[in-house]
Amino acid sequence: MKRRDFREKTQPLVMIIPMIDIMLFLLVFFMLGTIYMVQTNTLPVSLPQSSTAKQETRPNVVPITVLESGDVLFDKDTVPNQQLGENIHAAIERDKDTIFVLRGDKSARYESVVAVLDLLKKSGAARVSIATELKK
């Protein structure tokens, strides 16, 4: 004699609407997060304008900023010229593909910018970019 199974077999109900809401929320969160991460690692400087400017998007970019006063910032930290060479050399030791972006204020003395370029060359930096703003 066959046994009858009196339990009802029901399919589980999948609620997809809340899952879509959560996914869209995460998408918007990460999009806004990446927008604000692009330039938060540098200080605001009045850069010269160029019609061929483009943004560097590689992960191992180190900004070196020359302020109007002549002070030099290595990745947001004010450093003297002797220590700047050591910091550049240490960054190259960590990753040989490090790209140094020289961000010189347009009112900074040309001599200060050239001194930083000279230190980059002496330290063995192979990839150096000069930051500019896109000309409108």
N, C-alpha and C. Protein backbone atom coordinates (compact mmCIF):
# COMPACT_ATOMS: atom_id res chain seq x y z
N MET A 1 0.82 -1.16 0.00
CA MET A 1 0.00 0.00 0.00
C MET A 1 0.88 1.25 0.00
N LYS A 2 0.50 2.22 -0.81
CA LYS A 2 1.27 3.45 -0.93
C LYS A 2 0.95 4.41 0.19
N ARG A 3 1.98 5.06 0.67
CA ARG A 3 1.77 6.08 1.70
C ARG A 3 1.48 7.42 1.02
N ARG A 4 0.56 8.08 1.57
CA ARG A 4 0.24 9.41 1.05
C ARG A 4 0.97 10.46 1.86
N ASP A 5 1.55 11.42 1.15
CA ASP A 5 2.23 12.52 1.83
C ASP A 5 1.24 13.68 1.91
N PHE A 6 0.80 13.97 3.13
CA PHE A 6 -0.22 15.00 3.31
C PHE A 6 0.36 16.41 3.42
N ARG A 7 1.71 16.48 3.48
CA ARG A 7 2.32 17.82 3.55
C ARG A 7 2.17 18.52 2.20
N GLU A 8 1.86 19.77 2.28
CA GLU A 8 1.74 20.54 1.05
C GLU A 8 3.12 20.93 0.57
N LYS A 9 3.35 20.76 -0.69
CA LYS A 9 4.64 21.15 -1.24
C LYS A 9 4.48 22.54 -1.84
N THR A 10 5.11 23.51 -1.17
CA THR A 10 5.03 24.88 -1.65
C THR A 10 6.42 25.35 -2.09
N GLN A 11 6.43 26.14 -3.07
CA GLN A 11 7.68 26.72 -3.55
C GLN A 11 8.03 27.93 -2.68
N PRO A 12 9.31 28.08 -2.38
CA PRO A 12 9.68 29.27 -1.60
C PRO A 12 9.45 30.54 -2.42
N LEU A 13 9.08 31.57 -1.73
CA LEU A 13 8.79 32.84 -2.37
C LEU A 13 10.05 33.71 -2.34
N VAL A 14 10.52 34.11 -3.49
CA VAL A 14 11.72 34.95 -3.58
C VAL A 14 11.29 36.39 -3.75
N MET A 15 11.68 37.21 -2.80
CA MET A 15 11.36 38.63 -2.85
C MET A 15 12.53 39.36 -3.51
N ILE A 16 12.38 39.72 -4.76
CA ILE A 16 13.49 40.30 -5.51
C ILE A 16 13.54 41.84 -5.39
N ILE A 17 12.45 42.48 -5.09
CA ILE A 17 12.41 43.94 -5.00
C ILE A 17 13.36 44.47 -3.91
N PRO A 18 13.34 43.94 -2.69
CA PRO A 18 14.29 44.45 -1.69
C PRO A 18 15.74 44.19 -2.09
N MET A 19 16.00 43.09 -2.78
CA MET A 19 17.36 42.80 -3.21
C MET A 19 17.81 43.83 -4.26
N ILE A 20 16.94 44.21 -5.16
CA ILE A 20 17.26 45.23 -6.16
C ILE A 20 17.52 46.56 -5.48
N ASP A 21 16.72 46.91 -4.49
CA ASP A 21 16.93 48.16 -3.75
C ASP A 21 18.30 48.19 -3.10
N ILE A 22 18.68 47.11 -2.49
CA ILE A 22 19.99 47.06 -1.82
C ILE A 22 21.11 47.16 -2.84
N MET A 23 21.00 46.48 -3.96
CA MET A 23 22.03 46.53 -4.99
C MET A 23 22.18 47.93 -5.57
N LEU A 24 21.06 48.61 -5.81
CA LEU A 24 21.12 49.98 -6.32
C LEU A 24 21.73 50.92 -5.29
N PHE A 25 21.39 50.72 -4.03
CA PHE A 25 21.98 51.54 -2.97
C PHE A 25 23.50 51.35 -2.95
N LEU A 26 23.97 50.11 -3.02
CA LEU A 26 25.41 49.84 -3.02
C LEU A 26 26.09 50.44 -4.25
N LEU A 27 25.44 50.35 -5.41
CA LEU A 27 25.99 50.92 -6.63
C LEU A 27 26.17 52.43 -6.49
N VAL A 28 25.15 53.12 -6.01
CA VAL A 28 25.24 54.58 -5.82
C VAL A 28 26.31 54.92 -4.79
N PHE A 29 26.37 54.17 -3.72
CA PHE A 29 27.37 54.41 -2.68
C PHE A 29 28.79 54.32 -3.24
N PHE A 30 29.07 53.26 -3.99
CA PHE A 30 30.42 53.10 -4.54
C PHE A 30 30.73 54.12 -5.64
N MET A 31 29.72 54.50 -6.40
CA MET A 31 29.95 55.52 -7.43
C MET A 31 30.30 56.86 -6.79
N LEU A 32 29.56 57.26 -5.78
CA LEU A 32 29.86 58.51 -5.10
C LEU A 32 31.19 58.44 -4.37
N GLY A 33 31.49 57.28 -3.80
CA GLY A 33 32.76 57.12 -3.10
C GLY A 33 33.96 57.28 -4.03
N THR A 34 33.88 56.73 -5.22
CA THR A 34 35.00 56.85 -6.15
C THR A 34 35.12 58.25 -6.72
N ILE A 35 34.02 58.96 -6.86
CA ILE A 35 34.10 60.33 -7.35
C ILE A 35 34.88 61.20 -6.37
N TYR A 36 34.63 61.04 -5.09
CA TYR A 36 35.30 61.88 -4.11
C TYR A 36 36.72 61.41 -3.81
N MET A 37 37.09 60.20 -4.20
CA MET A 37 38.44 59.70 -3.94
C MET A 37 39.43 60.16 -4.99
N VAL A 38 38.96 60.67 -6.09
CA VAL A 38 39.86 61.02 -7.20
C VAL A 38 40.84 62.12 -6.80
N GLN A 39 40.38 63.21 -6.25
CA GLN A 39 41.26 64.32 -5.92
C GLN A 39 41.40 64.58 -4.43
N THR A 40 40.96 63.67 -3.57
CA THR A 40 41.07 63.92 -2.14
C THR A 40 42.47 63.68 -1.61
N ASN A 41 43.33 63.03 -2.40
CA ASN A 41 44.68 62.75 -1.92
C ASN A 41 45.64 63.89 -2.21
N THR A 42 45.16 65.02 -2.72
CA THR A 42 46.02 66.16 -3.01
C THR A 42 45.43 67.43 -2.42
N LEU A 43 46.28 68.41 -2.28
CA LEU A 43 45.84 69.71 -1.78
C LEU A 43 45.42 70.59 -2.95
N PRO A 44 44.46 71.48 -2.73
CA PRO A 44 44.06 72.36 -3.83
C PRO A 44 45.16 73.36 -4.16
N VAL A 45 45.56 73.37 -5.42
CA VAL A 45 46.61 74.27 -5.90
C VAL A 45 46.11 74.88 -7.19
N SER A 46 46.44 76.13 -7.42
CA SER A 46 46.08 76.79 -8.66
C SER A 46 47.06 76.34 -9.73
N LEU A 47 46.63 75.40 -10.58
CA LEU A 47 47.50 74.82 -11.59
C LEU A 47 47.44 75.63 -12.88
N PRO A 48 48.53 75.61 -13.66
CA PRO A 48 48.47 76.23 -14.99
C PRO A 48 47.54 75.45 -15.90
N GLN A 49 47.08 76.08 -16.97
CA GLN A 49 46.13 75.43 -17.87
C GLN A 49 46.83 74.91 -19.11
N SER A 50 46.30 73.80 -19.64
CA SER A 50 46.82 73.19 -20.85
C SER A 50 45.65 72.62 -21.64
N SER A 51 45.73 72.69 -22.96
CA SER A 51 44.65 72.17 -23.78
C SER A 51 44.75 70.66 -23.96
N THR A 52 45.88 70.04 -23.60
CA THR A 52 46.06 68.60 -23.78
C THR A 52 46.13 67.86 -22.46
N ALA A 53 45.61 68.43 -21.40
CA ALA A 53 45.68 67.80 -20.08
C ALA A 53 44.81 66.56 -20.03
N LYS A 54 45.30 65.53 -19.34
CA LYS A 54 44.51 64.33 -19.08
C LYS A 54 44.86 63.83 -17.69
N GLN A 55 43.93 63.08 -17.10
CA GLN A 55 44.08 62.65 -15.71
C GLN A 55 44.75 61.28 -15.64
N GLU A 56 45.69 61.14 -14.71
CA GLU A 56 46.37 59.86 -14.48
C GLU A 56 45.53 59.03 -13.53
N THR A 57 45.23 57.80 -13.92
CA THR A 57 44.33 56.97 -13.12
C THR A 57 44.99 55.73 -12.56
N ARG A 58 46.27 55.61 -12.66
CA ARG A 58 46.93 54.41 -12.14
C ARG A 58 46.96 54.44 -10.62
N PRO A 59 47.03 53.28 -9.99
CA PRO A 59 46.93 53.24 -8.52
C PRO A 59 48.17 53.72 -7.79
N ASN A 60 49.34 53.69 -8.39
CA ASN A 60 50.56 54.05 -7.69
C ASN A 60 51.07 55.42 -8.12
N VAL A 61 50.22 56.43 -7.92
CA VAL A 61 50.55 57.81 -8.26
C VAL A 61 50.87 58.56 -6.97
N VAL A 62 52.04 59.23 -6.94
CA VAL A 62 52.45 60.00 -5.77
C VAL A 62 52.50 61.48 -6.16
N PRO A 63 51.64 62.31 -5.56
CA PRO A 63 51.68 63.74 -5.89
C PRO A 63 52.78 64.46 -5.11
N ILE A 64 53.51 65.31 -5.81
CA ILE A 64 54.50 66.20 -5.18
C ILE A 64 54.05 67.61 -5.53
N THR A 65 53.74 68.40 -4.51
CA THR A 65 53.15 69.72 -4.71
C THR A 65 54.15 70.80 -4.33
N VAL A 66 54.32 71.78 -5.22
CA VAL A 66 55.14 72.96 -4.93
C VAL A 66 54.19 74.12 -4.74
N LEU A 67 54.14 74.65 -3.53
CA LEU A 67 53.22 75.75 -3.21
C LEU A 67 53.79 77.08 -3.67
N GLU A 68 52.94 78.09 -3.64
CA GLU A 68 53.35 79.43 -4.05
C GLU A 68 54.50 79.95 -3.18
N SER A 69 54.51 79.57 -1.91
CA SER A 69 55.55 80.01 -0.98
C SER A 69 56.88 79.30 -1.21
N GLY A 70 56.88 78.24 -2.03
CA GLY A 70 58.10 77.49 -2.28
C GLY A 70 58.20 76.21 -1.46
N ASP A 71 57.26 76.02 -0.53
CA ASP A 71 57.24 74.78 0.26
C ASP A 71 56.89 73.60 -0.64
N VAL A 72 57.49 72.46 -0.33
CA VAL A 72 57.26 71.26 -1.12
C VAL A 72 56.54 70.24 -0.26
N LEU A 73 55.45 69.68 -0.80
CA LEU A 73 54.67 68.67 -0.10
C LEU A 73 54.81 67.34 -0.84
N PHE A 74 55.20 66.32 -0.11
CA PHE A 74 55.27 64.97 -0.66
C PHE A 74 54.06 64.22 -0.16
N ASP A 75 53.07 64.05 -1.00
CA ASP A 75 51.84 63.35 -0.64
C ASP A 75 51.21 63.94 0.62
N LYS A 76 50.98 65.26 0.61
CA LYS A 76 50.34 66.05 1.68
C LYS A 76 51.24 66.39 2.86
N ASP A 77 52.47 65.90 2.91
CA ASP A 77 53.36 66.18 4.04
C ASP A 77 54.45 67.15 3.61
N THR A 78 54.63 68.24 4.36
CA THR A 78 55.69 69.18 4.06
C THR A 78 57.03 68.55 4.42
N VAL A 79 57.95 68.56 3.45
CA VAL A 79 59.26 67.95 3.67
C VAL A 79 60.35 68.88 3.16
N PRO A 80 61.52 68.88 3.84
CA PRO A 80 62.65 69.64 3.30
C PRO A 80 63.25 68.90 2.09
N ASN A 81 64.07 69.59 1.30
CA ASN A 81 64.61 69.01 0.08
C ASN A 81 65.44 67.76 0.33
N GLN A 82 66.17 67.70 1.44
CA GLN A 82 66.99 66.51 1.72
C GLN A 82 66.10 65.29 1.92
N GLN A 83 65.04 65.45 2.67
CA GLN A 83 64.13 64.34 2.95
C GLN A 83 63.28 64.01 1.73
N LEU A 84 63.03 64.98 0.87
CA LEU A 84 62.24 64.74 -0.34
C LEU A 84 62.93 63.71 -1.23
N GLY A 85 64.24 63.84 -1.39
CA GLY A 85 64.99 62.87 -2.18
C GLY A 85 64.91 61.47 -1.59
N GLU A 86 64.97 61.38 -0.26
CA GLU A 86 64.86 60.07 0.41
C GLU A 86 63.46 59.48 0.23
N ASN A 87 62.43 60.32 0.34
CA ASN A 87 61.06 59.84 0.16
C ASN A 87 60.82 59.35 -1.26
N ILE A 88 61.37 60.06 -2.25
CA ILE A 88 61.23 59.64 -3.64
C ILE A 88 61.91 58.30 -3.85
N HIS A 89 63.12 58.18 -3.32
CA HIS A 89 63.88 56.94 -3.46
C HIS A 89 63.15 55.78 -2.79
N ALA A 90 62.57 56.02 -1.61
CA ALA A 90 61.82 54.97 -0.90
C ALA A 90 60.58 54.54 -1.69
N ALA A 91 59.88 55.51 -2.31
CA ALA A 91 58.70 55.17 -3.11
C ALA A 91 59.08 54.33 -4.33
N ILE A 92 60.23 54.63 -4.92
CA ILE A 92 60.70 53.85 -6.06
C ILE A 92 61.10 52.45 -5.62
N GLU A 93 61.68 52.34 -4.44
CA GLU A 93 62.07 51.02 -3.91
C GLU A 93 60.84 50.14 -3.68
N ARG A 94 59.73 50.75 -3.19
CA ARG A 94 58.50 49.99 -2.96
C ARG A 94 57.88 49.52 -4.27
N ASP A 95 57.89 50.39 -5.28
CA ASP A 95 57.28 50.04 -6.56
C ASP A 95 58.00 50.80 -7.67
N LYS A 96 58.64 50.08 -8.55
CA LYS A 96 59.43 50.71 -9.63
C LYS A 96 58.55 51.42 -10.64
N ASP A 97 57.26 51.09 -10.70
CA ASP A 97 56.35 51.73 -11.65
C ASP A 97 55.63 52.94 -11.05
N THR A 98 56.15 53.48 -9.97
CA THR A 98 55.53 54.64 -9.33
C THR A 98 55.58 55.83 -10.28
N ILE A 99 54.45 56.51 -10.38
CA ILE A 99 54.37 57.71 -11.21
C ILE A 99 54.31 58.91 -10.27
N PHE A 100 55.22 59.84 -10.44
CA PHE A 100 55.25 61.06 -9.64
C PHE A 100 54.58 62.17 -10.43
N VAL A 101 53.58 62.79 -9.81
CA VAL A 101 52.87 63.90 -10.45
C VAL A 101 53.30 65.19 -9.77
N LEU A 102 53.99 66.02 -10.51
CA LEU A 102 54.48 67.30 -9.99
C LEU A 102 53.38 68.33 -10.16
N ARG A 103 52.89 68.84 -9.04
CA ARG A 103 51.80 69.81 -9.03
C ARG A 103 52.35 71.15 -8.57
N GLY A 104 52.77 71.98 -9.49
CA GLY A 104 53.32 73.28 -9.16
C GLY A 104 52.28 74.37 -9.27
N ASP A 105 52.14 75.15 -8.22
CA ASP A 105 51.22 76.29 -8.27
C ASP A 105 51.69 77.22 -9.38
N LYS A 106 50.75 77.81 -10.12
CA LYS A 106 51.15 78.66 -11.24
C LYS A 106 51.84 79.94 -10.78
N SER A 107 51.72 80.27 -9.51
CA SER A 107 52.42 81.44 -8.97
C SER A 107 53.73 81.07 -8.29
N ALA A 108 54.05 79.79 -8.25
CA ALA A 108 55.30 79.35 -7.61
C ALA A 108 56.48 79.75 -8.47
N ARG A 109 57.62 79.92 -7.82
CA ARG A 109 58.83 80.27 -8.57
C ARG A 109 59.25 79.09 -9.42
N TYR A 110 59.66 79.39 -10.61
CA TYR A 110 60.11 78.37 -11.55
C TYR A 110 61.30 77.60 -10.98
N GLU A 111 62.13 78.28 -10.23
CA GLU A 111 63.32 77.67 -9.62
C GLU A 111 62.93 76.54 -8.66
N SER A 112 61.86 76.73 -7.92
CA SER A 112 61.40 75.70 -6.97
C SER A 112 60.93 74.45 -7.71
N VAL A 113 60.22 74.64 -8.80
CA VAL A 113 59.73 73.50 -9.57
C VAL A 113 60.88 72.75 -10.22
N VAL A 114 61.86 73.48 -10.75
CA VAL A 114 63.02 72.85 -11.38
C VAL A 114 63.86 72.10 -10.34
N ALA A 115 63.94 72.62 -9.12
CA ALA A 115 64.69 71.93 -8.06
C ALA A 115 64.05 70.58 -7.75
N VAL A 116 62.71 70.52 -7.73
CA VAL A 116 62.02 69.25 -7.48
C VAL A 116 62.23 68.30 -8.65
N LEU A 117 62.16 68.82 -9.88
CA LEU A 117 62.43 67.97 -11.04
C LEU A 117 63.85 67.40 -11.00
N ASP A 118 64.79 68.22 -10.57
CA ASP A 118 66.18 67.76 -10.44
C ASP A 118 66.29 66.65 -9.40
N LEU A 119 65.61 66.81 -8.27
CA LEU A 119 65.61 65.75 -7.24
C LEU A 119 64.98 64.47 -7.76
N LEU A 120 63.91 64.59 -8.52
CA LEU A 120 63.28 63.40 -9.10
C LEU A 120 64.25 62.66 -10.02
N LYS A 121 64.97 63.42 -10.83
CA LYS A 121 65.92 62.80 -11.75
C LYS A 121 67.08 62.15 -11.01
N LYS A 122 67.60 62.83 -9.99
CA LYS A 122 68.71 62.28 -9.20
C LYS A 122 68.30 61.02 -8.45
N SER A 123 67.04 60.96 -8.02
CA SER A 123 66.56 59.81 -7.26
C SER A 123 66.23 58.61 -8.14
N GLY A 124 66.22 58.81 -9.44
CA GLY A 124 65.97 57.70 -10.35
C GLY A 124 64.52 57.53 -10.75
N ALA A 125 63.73 58.57 -10.64
CA ALA A 125 62.32 58.48 -11.03
C ALA A 125 62.23 58.44 -12.56
N ALA A 126 61.65 57.37 -13.07
CA ALA A 126 61.55 57.21 -14.52
C ALA A 126 60.25 57.77 -15.07
N ARG A 127 59.22 57.86 -14.23
CA ARG A 127 57.90 58.31 -14.69
C ARG A 127 57.49 59.55 -13.91
N VAL A 128 57.53 60.68 -14.59
CA VAL A 128 57.19 61.96 -13.97
C VAL A 128 56.17 62.66 -14.87
N SER A 129 55.09 63.13 -14.28
CA SER A 129 54.08 63.91 -15.00
C SER A 129 53.96 65.27 -14.34
N ILE A 130 53.60 66.24 -15.14
CA ILE A 130 53.37 67.59 -14.61
C ILE A 130 51.88 67.86 -14.68
N ALA A 131 51.29 68.18 -13.53
CA ALA A 131 49.83 68.38 -13.44
C ALA A 131 49.46 69.76 -13.99
N THR A 132 48.40 69.76 -14.78
CA THR A 132 47.81 71.00 -15.30
C THR A 132 46.30 70.87 -15.25
N GLU A 133 45.63 71.99 -15.43
CA GLU A 133 44.17 71.97 -15.55
C GLU A 133 43.81 72.04 -17.02
N LEU A 134 42.70 71.46 -17.37
CA LEU A 134 42.24 71.48 -18.75
C LEU A 134 41.76 72.88 -19.10
N LYS A 135 42.27 73.42 -20.19
CA LYS A 135 41.89 74.76 -20.63
C LYS A 135 40.45 74.73 -21.14
N LYS A 136 39.65 75.65 -20.68
CA LYS A 136 38.22 75.67 -21.04
C LYS A 136 38.03 76.30 -22.40
